[in-house]
Amino acid sequence: MIEERLTGGNITEVVVRVGDTVRRSPGPEFAVRVLEHLEAVGYPYAPRHLGTDERGRDVLTFVPGHTTDHPSQRAEGAYALAGTMLRRLHDVTTGHPLAGDRECVVHGDAGPYNTIVHDGLPVAFVDWDGCRPGDRIDDLGYLAWTWCVLASGTVPVADQAAHLRELRAGYGEVDPDDLVAAMVRQQTRLADLEQATLDNPAFGQARRDHARRAVEWAVASRDLVLRHENLFRA
């Protein structure tokens, strides 16, 4: 059995491909239940959970493609499709017992680093460990931030705002003020969370280095959005 190590997400565990499957250390039971529900309702934008292997690892279907970190790697319509994918997740989990007393089940980390793209278009969200009951606008705010906002590089802010407009259109009618506020709220949440990790000596150096980069990324992204708030709201 040949194992090929997979990379691309913000993960520390080893994830390997074996034929047409992906093997990884067991994820949360809740995530397994969510994936089973998504398969049952025909949601096409997630891998299928196939059980466990002889080593106790989760077995998932392999989704061909790659992740992206720049608009140049995405085709026309990619942002709208990402918004549609998230909207369908929220719709098929609204009112389900998995959502508890919240609006729906949220992915929780649907950034481009956890989205498989094929021919420039997103085809599946992966790494469902963070899925949980939550609110639509917060999940959408995180998706919008991580897909559309680039504080470093050469992507004009006007282009970033255009990507946000396309993503919002793909998701469906959302108040622009609410969406921008949700982006800032998610940036602040992540910055605070990772700062606490950075300040905690109980974590290893590698994890704290990741936390430092995450804080810098979140703060820089928030500063850019706040500087150009009117443009993003428009």
Foldseek 3Di string as FASTA:
>chain_A
DDWAWDDQAPDDFTWTDDVQKIWTADADPLLLVLLVLCVVVVLFAAWHFDQADPVRTTITGHDDAHFDQDLVLADPLQLLVLLLSQLVQQVSAAPPVQLPPAGGKAQQQQASSQFGDDPRHTGHGYDSRPIGRYYSLLNLLNHLLRHQFDLDDDDDVLRSLVSSVSNCVSNPDDQLVSSLVSVLVNLVVLLVVLVVVLPDPVDDPVSNVVSVVSNVRSVSRNVVCVVCVVSNND
